[in-house]
PDB file of N, CA and C in Angstrom:
ATOM      1  N   UNK A   1      24.477  60.504 -30.374  1.00  0.00           N
ATOM      2  CA  UNK A   1      24.298  59.409 -29.301  1.00  0.00           C
ATOM      3  C   UNK A   1      23.320  58.383 -29.519  1.00  0.00           C
ATOM      4  N   UNK A   2      23.707  57.037 -29.595  1.00  0.00           N
ATOM      5  CA  UNK A   2      22.710  55.936 -29.997  1.00  0.00           C
ATOM      6  C   UNK A   2      21.878  55.827 -28.597  1.00  0.00           C
ATOM      7  N   UNK A   3      20.585  55.398 -28.760  1.00  0.00           N
ATOM      8  CA  UNK A   3      19.591  55.262 -28.062  1.00  0.00           C
ATOM      9  C   UNK A   3      19.964  54.092 -26.839  1.00  0.00           C
ATOM     10  N   UNK A   4      19.592  54.244 -25.656  1.00  0.00           N
ATOM     11  CA  UNK A   4      20.004  53.420 -24.568  1.00  0.00           C
ATOM     12  C   UNK A   4      19.199  52.166 -24.676  1.00  0.00           C
ATOM     13  N   UNK A   5      19.989  51.162 -24.533  1.00  0.00           N
ATOM     14  CA  UNK A   5      18.908  50.012 -24.631  1.00  0.00           C
ATOM     15  C   UNK A   5      18.611  49.480 -23.495  1.00  0.00           C
ATOM     16  N   UNK A   6      17.572  49.043 -23.495  1.00  0.00           N
ATOM     17  CA  UNK A   6      17.074  48.568 -22.045  1.00  0.00           C
ATOM     18  C   UNK A   6      18.114  47.659 -21.386  1.00  0.00           C
ATOM     19  N   UNK A   7      17.968  47.565 -19.945  1.00  0.00           N
ATOM     20  CA  UNK A   7      19.075  46.751 -19.335  1.00  0.00           C
ATOM     21  C   UNK A   7      18.541  45.313 -19.407  1.00  0.00           C
ATOM     22  N   UNK A   8      19.554  44.485 -19.719  1.00  0.00           N
ATOM     23  CA  UNK A   8      19.137  42.894 -19.662  1.00  0.00           C
ATOM     24  C   UNK A   8      18.733  42.318 -18.252  1.00  0.00           C
ATOM     25  N   UNK A   9      17.848  41.365 -18.595  1.00  0.00           N
ATOM     26  CA  UNK A   9      17.544  40.858 -17.413  1.00  0.00           C
ATOM     27  C   UNK A   9      18.770  39.765 -16.905  1.00  0.00           C
ATOM     28  N   UNK A  10      18.460  39.714 -15.418  1.00  0.00           N
ATOM     29  CA  UNK A  10      19.643  38.793 -15.026  1.00  0.00           C
ATOM     30  C   UNK A  10      19.441  37.436 -15.453  1.00  0.00           C
ATOM     31  N   UNK A  11      18.156  37.184 -15.577  1.00  0.00           N
ATOM     32  CA  UNK A  11      18.269  35.492 -15.890  1.00  0.00           C
ATOM     33  C   UNK A  11      17.678  35.404 -17.439  1.00  0.00           C
ATOM     34  N   UNK A  12      18.647  34.900 -18.330  1.00  0.00           N
ATOM     35  CA  UNK A  12      18.250  34.896 -19.831  1.00  0.00           C
ATOM     36  C   UNK A  12      17.107  34.051 -20.160  1.00  0.00           C
ATOM     37  N   UNK A  13      16.668  33.045 -19.580  1.00  0.00           N
ATOM     38  CA  UNK A  13      15.598  32.281 -20.027  1.00  0.00           C
ATOM     39  C   UNK A  13      14.463  32.755 -19.412  1.00  0.00           C
ATOM     40  N   UNK A  14      13.477  33.589 -20.210  1.00  0.00           N
ATOM     41  CA  UNK A  14      12.184  34.204 -19.400  1.00  0.00           C
ATOM     42  C   UNK A  14      11.139  32.938 -18.863  1.00  0.00           C
ATOM     43  N   UNK A  15      11.583  31.751 -19.292  1.00  0.00           N
ATOM     44  CA  UNK A  15      10.564  30.577 -19.051  1.00  0.00           C
ATOM     45  C   UNK A  15      10.924  29.931 -17.672  1.00  0.00           C
ATOM     46  N   UNK A  16      12.026  30.573 -17.202  1.00  0.00           N
ATOM     47  CA  UNK A  16      12.463  29.672 -15.889  1.00  0.00           C
ATOM     48  C   UNK A  16      11.742  30.604 -14.971  1.00  0.00           C
ATOM     49  N   UNK A  17      11.003  29.901 -13.692  1.00  0.00           N
ATOM     50  CA  UNK A  17      10.462  30.736 -12.718  1.00  0.00           C
ATOM     51  C   UNK A  17      10.807  29.651 -11.475  1.00  0.00           C
ATOM     52  N   UNK A  18      11.183  30.373 -10.236  1.00  0.00           N
ATOM     53  CA  UNK A  18      11.434  29.638  -9.267  1.00  0.00           C
ATOM     54  C   UNK A  18      12.474  28.433  -9.077  1.00  0.00           C
ATOM     55  N   UNK A  19      13.285  28.742 -10.114  1.00  0.00           N
ATOM     56  CA  UNK A  19      14.495  27.699 -10.425  1.00  0.00           C
ATOM     57  C   UNK A  19      13.945  26.530 -11.041  1.00  0.00           C
ATOM     58  N   UNK A  20      12.986  26.233 -11.748  1.00  0.00           N
ATOM     59  CA  UNK A  20      12.366  25.062 -12.557  1.00  0.00           C
ATOM     60  C   UNK A  20      12.736  25.763 -13.956  1.00  0.00           C
ATOM     61  N   UNK A  21      12.961  24.573 -14.988  1.00  0.00           N
ATOM     62  CA  UNK A  21      13.158  24.921 -16.099  1.00  0.00           C
ATOM     63  C   UNK A  21      11.945  24.624 -17.035  1.00  0.00           C
ATOM     64  N   UNK A  22      11.803  24.982 -18.190  1.00  0.00           N
ATOM     65  CA  UNK A  22      10.746  24.435 -18.973  1.00  0.00           C
ATOM     66  C   UNK A  22      10.946  23.173 -19.337  1.00  0.00           C
ATOM     67  N   UNK A  23      12.011  22.368 -19.134  1.00  0.00           N
ATOM     68  CA  UNK A  23      12.262  20.986 -19.488  1.00  0.00           C
ATOM     69  C   UNK A  23      11.513  20.135 -18.398  1.00  0.00           C
ATOM     70  N   UNK A  24      11.716  20.629 -17.319  1.00  0.00           N
ATOM     71  CA  UNK A  24      11.100  20.229 -16.097  1.00  0.00           C
ATOM     72  C   UNK A  24       9.662  20.036 -15.858  1.00  0.00           C
ATOM     73  N   UNK A  25       8.976  21.180 -16.528  1.00  0.00           N
ATOM     74  CA  UNK A  25       7.538  21.303 -16.363  1.00  0.00           C
ATOM     75  C   UNK A  25       6.867  20.577 -17.697  1.00  0.00           C
ATOM     76  N   UNK A  26       7.736  20.239 -18.718  1.00  0.00           N
ATOM     77  CA  UNK A  26       7.216  19.463 -19.996  1.00  0.00           C
ATOM     78  C   UNK A  26       7.184  18.028 -19.629  1.00  0.00           C
ATOM     79  N   UNK A  27       8.527  17.655 -18.655  1.00  0.00           N
ATOM     80  CA  UNK A  27       8.610  16.220 -18.277  1.00  0.00           C
ATOM     81  C   UNK A  27       7.459  15.956 -17.335  1.00  0.00           C
ATOM     82  N   UNK A  28       6.944  16.968 -16.318  1.00  0.00           N
ATOM     83  CA  UNK A  28       5.804  16.755 -15.526  1.00  0.00           C
ATOM     84  C   UNK A  28       4.502  16.617 -16.128  1.00  0.00           C
ATOM     85  N   UNK A  29       4.468  17.247 -17.125  1.00  0.00           N
ATOM     86  CA  UNK A  29       3.082  17.268 -17.884  1.00  0.00           C
ATOM     87  C   UNK A  29       2.967  15.961 -18.611  1.00  0.00           C
ATOM     88  N   UNK A  30       4.249  15.463 -19.208  1.00  0.00           N
ATOM     89  CA  UNK A  30       4.189  14.338 -20.049  1.00  0.00           C
ATOM     90  C   UNK A  30       3.828  13.320 -19.202  1.00  0.00           C
ATOM     91  N   UNK A  31       4.444  13.123 -17.876  1.00  0.00           N
ATOM     92  CA  UNK A  31       4.078  12.245 -16.917  1.00  0.00           C
ATOM     93  C   UNK A  31       2.661  12.232 -16.677  1.00  0.00           C
ATOM     94  N   UNK A  32       2.218  13.360 -16.564  1.00  0.00           N
ATOM     95  CA  UNK A  32       0.585  13.364 -16.114  1.00  0.00           C
ATOM     96  C   UNK A  32      -0.272  12.770 -17.325  1.00  0.00           C
ATOM     97  N   UNK A  33       0.175  13.171 -18.401  1.00  0.00           N
ATOM     98  CA  UNK A  33      -0.324  12.712 -19.733  1.00  0.00           C
ATOM     99  C   UNK A  33      -0.387  11.127 -19.685  1.00  0.00           C
ATOM    100  N   UNK A  34       0.719  10.598 -19.328  1.00  0.00           N
ATOM    101  CA  UNK A  34       0.911   9.038 -19.532  1.00  0.00           C
ATOM    102  C   UNK A  34       0.078   8.421 -18.265  1.00  0.00           C
ATOM    103  N   UNK A  35      -0.088   9.146 -17.271  1.00  0.00           N
ATOM    104  CA  UNK A  35      -0.834   8.374 -16.270  1.00  0.00           C
ATOM    105  C   UNK A  35      -2.148   8.555 -16.471  1.00  0.00           C
ATOM    106  N   UNK A  36      -2.648   9.599 -17.302  1.00  0.00           N
ATOM    107  CA  UNK A  36      -4.174   9.617 -17.542  1.00  0.00           C
ATOM    108  C   UNK A  36      -4.357   8.772 -18.667  1.00  0.00           C
ATOM    109  N   UNK A  37      -3.495   8.508 -19.536  1.00  0.00           N
ATOM    110  CA  UNK A  37      -3.636   7.717 -20.752  1.00  0.00           C
ATOM    111  C   UNK A  37      -3.733   6.223 -20.163  1.00  0.00           C
ATOM    112  N   UNK A  38      -2.929   5.880 -19.086  1.00  0.00           N
ATOM    113  CA  UNK A  38      -3.173   4.361 -18.480  1.00  0.00           C
ATOM    114  C   UNK A  38      -4.164   4.491 -17.747  1.00  0.00           C
ATOM    115  N   UNK A  39      -4.845   5.484 -16.899  1.00  0.00           N
ATOM    116  CA  UNK A  39      -5.920   5.410 -16.111  1.00  0.00           C
ATOM    117  C   UNK A  39      -7.252   5.122 -17.229  1.00  0.00           C
ATOM    118  N   UNK A  40      -7.175   5.702 -18.342  1.00  0.00           N
ATOM    119  CA  UNK A  40      -8.169   5.646 -19.327  1.00  0.00           C
ATOM    120  C   UNK A  40      -8.267   4.364 -19.857  1.00  0.00           C
ATOM    121  N   UNK A  41      -6.936   3.776 -20.047  1.00  0.00           N
ATOM    122  CA  UNK A  41      -6.703   2.400 -20.592  1.00  0.00           C
ATOM    123  C   UNK A  41      -7.502   1.545 -19.491  1.00  0.00           C
ATOM    124  N   UNK A  42      -7.113   1.717 -18.510  1.00  0.00           N
ATOM    125  CA  UNK A  42      -7.544   0.614 -17.497  1.00  0.00           C
ATOM    126  C   UNK A  42      -9.116   0.715 -17.278  1.00  0.00           C
ATOM    127  N   UNK A  43      -9.685   2.043 -17.359  1.00  0.00           N
ATOM    128  CA  UNK A  43     -11.110   1.921 -17.189  1.00  0.00           C
ATOM    129  C   UNK A  43     -11.680   1.214 -18.567  1.00  0.00           C
ATOM    130  N   UNK A  44     -11.129   1.344 -19.702  1.00  0.00           N
ATOM    131  CA  UNK A  44     -11.503   0.640 -20.837  1.00  0.00           C
ATOM    132  C   UNK A  44     -11.571  -0.997 -20.645  1.00  0.00           C
ATOM    133  N   UNK A  45     -10.450  -1.441 -20.143  1.00  0.00           N
ATOM    134  CA  UNK A  45     -10.349  -2.820 -19.841  1.00  0.00           C
ATOM    135  C   UNK A  45     -11.269  -3.221 -18.941  1.00  0.00           C
ATOM    136  N   UNK A  46     -11.446  -2.585 -17.845  1.00  0.00           N
ATOM    137  CA  UNK A  46     -12.510  -3.073 -17.014  1.00  0.00           C
ATOM    138  C   UNK A  46     -14.178  -2.958 -17.559  1.00  0.00           C
ATOM    139  N   UNK A  47     -14.157  -1.946 -18.370  1.00  0.00           N
ATOM    140  CA  UNK A  47     -15.527  -2.067 -19.044  1.00  0.00           C
ATOM    141  C   UNK A  47     -15.567  -3.283 -19.898  1.00  0.00           C
ATOM    142  N   UNK A  48     -14.911  -3.426 -20.779  1.00  0.00           N
ATOM    143  CA  UNK A  48     -14.959  -4.553 -21.693  1.00  0.00           C
ATOM    144  C   UNK A  48     -14.790  -5.801 -20.786  1.00  0.00           C
ATOM    145  N   UNK A  49     -14.046  -5.976 -19.924  1.00  0.00           N
ATOM    146  CA  UNK A  49     -14.211  -7.038 -19.273  1.00  0.00           C
ATOM    147  C   UNK A  49     -15.369  -7.649 -18.453  1.00  0.00           C
ATOM    148  N   UNK A  50     -15.992  -6.224 -17.715  1.00  0.00           N
ATOM    149  CA  UNK A  50     -17.242  -6.644 -17.141  1.00  0.00           C
ATOM    150  C   UNK A  50     -18.384  -7.166 -18.238  1.00  0.00           C
ATOM    151  N   UNK A  51     -18.176  -6.793 -19.371  1.00  0.00           N
ATOM    152  CA  UNK A  51     -19.058  -6.900 -20.257  1.00  0.00           C
ATOM    153  C   UNK A  51     -19.295  -8.386 -20.716  1.00  0.00           C
ATOM    154  N   UNK A  52     -18.229  -9.039 -20.882  1.00  0.00           N
ATOM    155  CA  UNK A  52     -17.733 -10.180 -21.271  1.00  0.00           C
ATOM    156  C   UNK A  52     -18.235 -11.216 -20.015  1.00  0.00           C
ATOM    157  N   UNK A  53     -17.940 -10.775 -18.870  1.00  0.00           N
ATOM    158  CA  UNK A  53     -18.300 -11.485 -17.629  1.00  0.00           C
ATOM    159  C   UNK A  53     -19.816 -11.584 -17.470  1.00  0.00           C
ATOM    160  N   UNK A  54     -20.227 -10.190 -17.722  1.00  0.00           N
ATOM    161  CA  UNK A  54     -21.874 -10.214 -17.531  1.00  0.00           C
ATOM    162  C   UNK A  54     -22.597 -10.949 -18.840  1.00  0.00           C
ATOM    163  N   UNK A  55     -21.823 -11.058 -19.772  1.00  0.00           N
ATOM    164  CA  UNK A  55     -22.756 -12.039 -21.023  1.00  0.00           C
ATOM    165  C   UNK A  55     -22.570 -13.178 -20.582  1.00  0.00           C
ATOM    166  N   UNK A  56     -21.480 -13.838 -20.251  1.00  0.00           N
ATOM    167  CA  UNK A  56     -21.244 -15.061 -19.749  1.00  0.00           C
ATOM    168  C   UNK A  56     -22.297 -15.514 -18.571  1.00  0.00           C
ATOM    169  N   UNK A  57     -22.410 -14.702 -17.445  1.00  0.00           N
ATOM    170  CA  UNK A  57     -23.164 -14.945 -16.419  1.00  0.00           C
ATOM    171  C   UNK A  57     -24.602 -15.132 -16.601  1.00  0.00           C
ATOM    172  N   UNK A  58     -25.075 -14.243 -17.578  1.00  0.00           N
ATOM    173  CA  UNK A  58     -26.403 -14.217 -17.838  1.00  0.00           C
ATOM    174  C   UNK A  58     -26.610 -15.712 -18.715  1.00  0.00           C
ATOM    175  N   UNK A  59     -25.831 -15.977 -19.649  1.00  0.00           N
ATOM    176  CA  UNK A  59     -25.884 -17.226 -20.342  1.00  0.00           C
ATOM    177  C   UNK A  59     -26.098 -18.187 -19.530  1.00  0.00           C
ATOM    178  N   UNK A  60     -25.082 -18.481 -18.538  1.00  0.00           N
ATOM    179  CA  UNK A  60     -25.021 -19.714 -17.788  1.00  0.00           C
ATOM    180  C   UNK A  60     -26.073 -19.748 -16.817  1.00  0.00           C
ATOM    181  N   UNK A  61     -26.450 -18.667 -16.279  1.00  0.00           N
ATOM    182  CA  UNK A  61     -27.746 -18.873 -14.900  1.00  0.00           C
ATOM    183  C   UNK A  61     -29.010 -19.018 -15.967  1.00  0.00           C
ATOM    184  N   UNK A  62     -29.317 -18.568 -17.129  1.00  0.00           N
ATOM    185  CA  UNK A  62     -30.293 -18.884 -17.874  1.00  0.00           C
ATOM    186  C   UNK A  62     -30.535 -20.302 -18.289  1.00  0.00           C
ATOM    187  N   UNK A  63     -29.190 -20.669 -18.723  1.00  0.00           N
ATOM    188  CA  UNK A  63     -29.110 -22.374 -19.219  1.00  0.00           C
ATOM    189  C   UNK A  63     -29.520 -23.058 -17.874  1.00  0.00           C
ATOM    190  N   UNK A  64     -28.956 -22.591 -16.533  1.00  0.00           N
ATOM    191  CA  UNK A  64     -29.029 -23.176 -15.272  1.00  0.00           C
ATOM    192  C   UNK A  64     -30.529 -23.388 -15.120  1.00  0.00           C
ATOM    193  N   UNK A  65     -31.284 -22.319 -15.280  1.00  0.00           N
ATOM    194  CA  UNK A  65     -32.711 -22.080 -15.043  1.00  0.00           C
ATOM    195  C   UNK A  65     -33.642 -23.099 -15.872  1.00  0.00           C
ATOM    196  N   UNK A  66     -33.108 -23.113 -17.145  1.00  0.00           N
ATOM    197  CA  UNK A  66     -33.987 -23.941 -18.097  1.00  0.00           C
ATOM    198  C   UNK A  66     -33.625 -25.331 -17.819  1.00  0.00           C
ATOM    199  N   UNK A  67     -32.547 -25.782 -17.482  1.00  0.00           N
ATOM    200  CA  UNK A  67     -32.442 -27.211 -17.000  1.00  0.00           C
ATOM    201  C   UNK A  67     -33.004 -27.506 -15.852  1.00  0.00           C
ATOM    202  N   UNK A  68     -33.152 -26.607 -14.756  1.00  0.00           N
ATOM    203  CA  UNK A  68     -33.849 -26.840 -13.628  1.00  0.00           C
ATOM    204  C   UNK A  68     -35.391 -26.956 -13.893  1.00  0.00           C
ATOM    205  N   UNK A  69     -35.946 -25.935 -14.805  1.00  0.00           N
ATOM    206  CA  UNK A  69     -37.464 -26.562 -15.126  1.00  0.00           C
ATOM    207  C   UNK A  69     -37.720 -27.777 -16.094  1.00  0.00           C
ATOM    208  N   UNK A  70     -36.369 -28.051 -16.755  1.00  0.00           N
ATOM    209  CA  UNK A  70     -36.634 -29.384 -17.546  1.00  0.00           C
ATOM    210  C   UNK A  70     -36.616 -30.583 -16.341  1.00  0.00           C
ATOM    211  N   UNK A  71     -35.883 -30.410 -15.415  1.00  0.00           N
ATOM    212  CA  UNK A  71     -36.027 -31.590 -14.343  1.00  0.00           C
ATOM    213  C   UNK A  71     -37.178 -31.695 -13.604  1.00  0.00           C
ATOM    214  N   UNK A  72     -37.727 -30.631 -13.389  1.00  0.00           N
ATOM    215  CA  UNK A  72     -38.857 -30.177 -12.428  1.00  0.00           C
ATOM    216  C   UNK A  72     -40.215 -30.723 -13.217  1.00  0.00           C
ATOM    217  N   UNK A  73     -40.145 -30.356 -14.679  1.00  0.00           N
ATOM    218  CA  UNK A  73     -41.210 -30.561 -15.419  1.00  0.00           C
ATOM    219  C   UNK A  73     -41.281 -32.021 -15.931  1.00  0.00           C
ATOM    220  N   UNK A  74     -39.958 -32.661 -16.007  1.00  0.00           N
ATOM    221  CA  UNK A  74     -39.814 -33.872 -16.868  1.00  0.00           C
ATOM    222  C   UNK A  74     -39.889 -33.633 -18.218  1.00  0.00           C
ATOM    223  N   UNK A  75     -39.422 -32.435 -18.800  1.00  0.00           N
ATOM    224  CA  UNK A  75     -39.622 -32.541 -20.218  1.00  0.00           C
ATOM    225  C   UNK A  75     -38.334 -32.554 -20.930  1.00  0.00           C
ATOM    226  N   UNK A  76     -38.289 -32.739 -22.275  1.00  0.00           N
ATOM    227  CA  UNK A  76     -37.055 -32.940 -22.720  1.00  0.00           C
ATOM    228  C   UNK A  76     -36.306 -31.738 -22.536  1.00  0.00           C
ATOM    229  N   UNK A  77     -35.206 -31.577 -23.487  1.00  0.00           N
ATOM    230  CA  UNK A  77     -34.232 -30.291 -22.989  1.00  0.00           C
ATOM    231  C   UNK A  77     -35.025 -28.959 -23.734  1.00  0.00           C
ATOM    232  N   UNK A  78     -36.236 -28.847 -23.708  1.00  0.00           N
ATOM    233  CA  UNK A  78     -36.745 -27.563 -24.309  1.00  0.00           C
ATOM    234  C   UNK A  78     -36.632 -26.548 -23.640  1.00  0.00           C
ATOM    235  N   UNK A  79     -36.417 -26.330 -22.367  1.00  0.00           N
ATOM    236  CA  UNK A  79     -36.209 -25.353 -21.484  1.00  0.00           C
ATOM    237  C   UNK A  79     -35.077 -24.929 -21.386  1.00  0.00           C
ATOM    238  N   UNK A  80     -33.984 -25.867 -21.653  1.00  0.00           N
ATOM    239  CA  UNK A  80     -32.733 -25.500 -21.654  1.00  0.00           C
ATOM    240  C   UNK A  80     -32.276 -24.875 -22.727  1.00  0.00           C
ATOM    241  N   UNK A  81     -32.726 -25.281 -23.996  1.00  0.00           N
ATOM    242  CA  UNK A  81     -32.580 -24.553 -25.097  1.00  0.00           C
ATOM    243  C   UNK A  81     -33.310 -23.256 -25.144  1.00  0.00           C
ATOM    244  N   UNK A  82     -34.640 -23.028 -24.650  1.00  0.00           N
ATOM    245  CA  UNK A  82     -34.816 -21.692 -24.344  1.00  0.00           C
ATOM    246  C   UNK A  82     -34.144 -20.937 -23.414  1.00  0.00           C
ATOM    247  N   UNK A  83     -33.815 -21.505 -22.350  1.00  0.00           N
ATOM    248  CA  UNK A  83     -32.810 -20.672 -21.529  1.00  0.00           C
ATOM    249  C   UNK A  83     -31.586 -20.165 -22.131  1.00  0.00           C
ATOM    250  N   UNK A  84     -30.963 -21.146 -22.923  1.00  0.00           N
ATOM    251  CA  UNK A  84     -29.557 -20.532 -23.645  1.00  0.00           C
ATOM    252  C   UNK A  84     -30.124 -19.404 -24.685  1.00  0.00           C
ATOM    253  N   UNK A  85     -31.197 -19.601 -25.339  1.00  0.00           N
ATOM    254  CA  UNK A  85     -31.437 -18.648 -26.428  1.00  0.00           C
ATOM    255  C   UNK A  85     -31.742 -17.375 -25.543  1.00  0.00           C
ATOM    256  N   UNK A  86     -32.709 -17.473 -24.462  1.00  0.00           N
ATOM    257  CA  UNK A  86     -32.862 -16.171 -23.689  1.00  0.00           C
ATOM    258  C   UNK A  86     -31.776 -15.650 -23.174  1.00  0.00           C
ATOM    259  N   UNK A  87     -30.680 -16.362 -22.645  1.00  0.00           N
ATOM    260  CA  UNK A  87     -29.359 -15.982 -21.991  1.00  0.00           C
ATOM    261  C   UNK A  87     -28.588 -15.321 -23.134  1.00  0.00           C
ATOM    262  N   UNK A  88     -28.689 -15.797 -24.323  1.00  0.00           N
ATOM    263  CA  UNK A  88     -27.667 -15.196 -25.342  1.00  0.00           C
ATOM    264  C   UNK A  88     -28.467 -13.760 -25.815  1.00  0.00           C
ATOM    265  N   UNK A  89     -29.634 -13.869 -25.935  1.00  0.00           N
ATOM    266  CA  UNK A  89     -30.309 -12.611 -26.358  1.00  0.00           C
ATOM    267  C   UNK A  89     -30.172 -11.507 -25.086  1.00  0.00           C
ATOM    268  N   UNK A  90     -30.375 -11.791 -23.833  1.00  0.00           N
ATOM    269  CA  UNK A  90     -29.986 -10.963 -22.758  1.00  0.00           C
ATOM    270  C   UNK A  90     -28.695 -10.571 -22.645  1.00  0.00           C
ATOM    271  N   UNK A  91     -27.681 -11.493 -22.776  1.00  0.00           N
ATOM    272  CA  UNK A  91     -26.052 -11.048 -22.925  1.00  0.00           C
ATOM    273  C   UNK A  91     -25.719 -10.273 -24.071  1.00  0.00           C
ATOM    274  N   UNK A  92     -26.587 -10.281 -25.202  1.00  0.00           N
ATOM    275  CA  UNK A  92     -26.243  -9.577 -26.391  1.00  0.00           C
ATOM    276  C   UNK A  92     -26.885  -8.128 -26.475  1.00  0.00           C
ATOM    277  N   UNK A  93     -27.999  -8.023 -25.468  1.00  0.00           N
ATOM    278  CA  UNK A  93     -28.468  -6.698 -25.313  1.00  0.00           C
ATOM    279  C   UNK A  93     -27.732  -6.055 -24.390  1.00  0.00           C
ATOM    280  N   UNK A  94     -27.130  -6.730 -23.370  1.00  0.00           N
ATOM    281  CA  UNK A  94     -26.334  -5.862 -22.524  1.00  0.00           C
ATOM    282  C   UNK A  94     -25.162  -5.505 -23.087  1.00  0.00           C
ATOM    283  N   UNK A  95     -24.545  -6.222 -24.066  1.00  0.00           N
ATOM    284  CA  UNK A  95     -23.659  -5.862 -24.907  1.00  0.00           C
ATOM    285  C   UNK A  95     -23.562  -4.649 -25.822  1.00  0.00           C
ATOM    286  N   UNK A  96     -24.849  -4.780 -26.391  1.00  0.00           N
ATOM    287  CA  UNK A  96     -25.346  -3.484 -27.312  1.00  0.00           C
ATOM    288  C   UNK A  96     -25.510  -2.361 -26.562  1.00  0.00           C
ATOM    289  N   UNK A  97     -25.907  -2.579 -25.358  1.00  0.00           N
ATOM    290  CA  UNK A  97     -26.152  -1.286 -24.473  1.00  0.00           C
ATOM    291  C   UNK A  97     -24.976  -0.611 -23.896  1.00  0.00           C
ATOM    292  N   UNK A  98     -23.917  -1.625 -23.845  1.00  0.00           N
ATOM    293  CA  UNK A  98     -22.603  -0.855 -23.190  1.00  0.00           C
ATOM    294  C   UNK A  98     -21.732  -0.324 -24.477  1.00  0.00           C
ATOM    295  N   UNK A  99     -21.713  -0.901 -25.464  1.00  0.00           N
ATOM    296  CA  UNK A  99     -20.624  -0.557 -26.573  1.00  0.00           C
ATOM    297  C   UNK A  99     -20.920   0.789 -27.028  1.00  0.00           C
ATOM    298  N   UNK A 100     -22.250   1.244 -27.216  1.00  0.00           N
ATOM    299  CA  UNK A 100     -22.395   2.855 -27.627  1.00  0.00           C
ATOM    300  C   UNK A 100     -21.656   3.829 -26.421  1.00  0.00           C
ATOM    301  N   UNK A 101     -21.692   3.614 -25.465  1.00  0.00           N
ATOM    302  CA  UNK A 101     -21.067   4.513 -24.377  1.00  0.00           C
ATOM    303  C   UNK A 101     -19.683   4.571 -24.479  1.00  0.00           C
ATOM    304  N   UNK A 102     -18.858   3.337 -24.948  1.00  0.00           N
ATOM    305  CA  UNK A 102     -17.242   3.328 -24.981  1.00  0.00           C
ATOM    306  C   UNK A 102     -17.079   3.822 -26.264  1.00  0.00           C
ATOM    307  N   UNK A 103     -17.610   3.505 -27.327  1.00  0.00           N
ATOM    308  CA  UNK A 103     -17.346   4.189 -28.726  1.00  0.00           C
ATOM    309  C   UNK A 103     -17.577   5.639 -28.573  1.00  0.00           C
ATOM    310  N   UNK A 104     -18.720   6.005 -27.910  1.00  0.00           N
ATOM    311  CA  UNK A 104     -18.845   7.586 -28.003  1.00  0.00           C
ATOM    312  C   UNK A 104     -17.771   8.287 -27.192  1.00  0.00           C
ATOM    313  N   UNK A 105     -17.366   7.717 -26.131  1.00  0.00           N
ATOM    314  CA  UNK A 105     -16.374   8.214 -25.416  1.00  0.00           C
ATOM    315  C   UNK A 105     -15.075   8.605 -26.153  1.00  0.00           C
ATOM    316  N   UNK A 106     -14.872   7.221 -26.934  1.00  0.00           N
ATOM    317  CA  UNK A 106     -13.429   7.367 -27.744  1.00  0.00           C
ATOM    318  C   UNK A 106     -13.644   8.403 -28.881  1.00  0.00           C
ATOM    319  N   UNK A 107     -14.829   8.567 -29.347  1.00  0.00           N
ATOM    320  CA  UNK A 107     -14.751   9.457 -30.539  1.00  0.00           C
ATOM    321  C   UNK A 107     -14.773  10.809 -30.215  1.00  0.00           C
ATOM    322  N   UNK A 108     -15.145  11.058 -29.019  1.00  0.00           N
ATOM    323  CA  UNK A 108     -15.142  12.475 -28.721  1.00  0.00           C
ATOM    324  C   UNK A 108     -13.966  12.709 -27.892  1.00  0.00           C
ATOM    325  N   UNK A 109     -12.821  11.719 -27.529  1.00  0.00           N
ATOM    326  CA  UNK A 109     -11.445  12.039 -27.263  1.00  0.00           C
ATOM    327  C   UNK A 109     -10.606  12.365 -28.379  1.00  0.00           C
ATOM    328  N   UNK A 110     -10.853  11.475 -29.355  1.00  0.00           N
ATOM    329  CA  UNK A 110      -9.999  11.475 -30.682  1.00  0.00           C
ATOM    330  C   UNK A 110     -10.247  12.660 -31.457  1.00  0.00           C
ATOM    331  N   UNK A 111     -11.507  13.438 -31.269  1.00  0.00           N
ATOM    332  CA  UNK A 111     -11.452  14.622 -32.181  1.00  0.00           C
ATOM    333  C   UNK A 111     -10.411  15.652 -32.032  1.00  0.00           C
ATOM    334  N   UNK A 112      -9.769  16.096 -33.098  1.00  0.00           N
ATOM    335  CA  UNK A 112      -9.045  17.270 -32.943  1.00  0.00           C
ATOM    336  C   UNK A 112      -9.699  18.620 -32.571  1.00  0.00           C
ATOM    337  N   UNK A 113      -8.971  19.244 -31.737  1.00  0.00           N
ATOM    338  CA  UNK A 113      -9.405  20.605 -31.453  1.00  0.00           C
ATOM    339  C   UNK A 113      -8.732  21.754 -32.162  1.00  0.00           C
TER     340      UNK A 113
END
């Protein structure tokens, strides 16, 4: 007499639970992955956009400050040029301080596990 086989389950797909299929759960996870990717991209855009605005604002404000000093002291555009140079240096410093944070975040995300 052959050995009795275990009774088959009424649900042939063992991945289904509570009436949802594995296709539905993979679609939900891909939607979540897409949303996370878009949120990450928007954070990067806002970070880089703010760096550009900050660079421009520091440059313009320091140029105006140099021009104001030139008019108050009656000097040639010495302080204007110094203001532009200081503003460029300050903007470049803020740029350099922001970039390692974003590149560090990118490299840790792209590492394979």
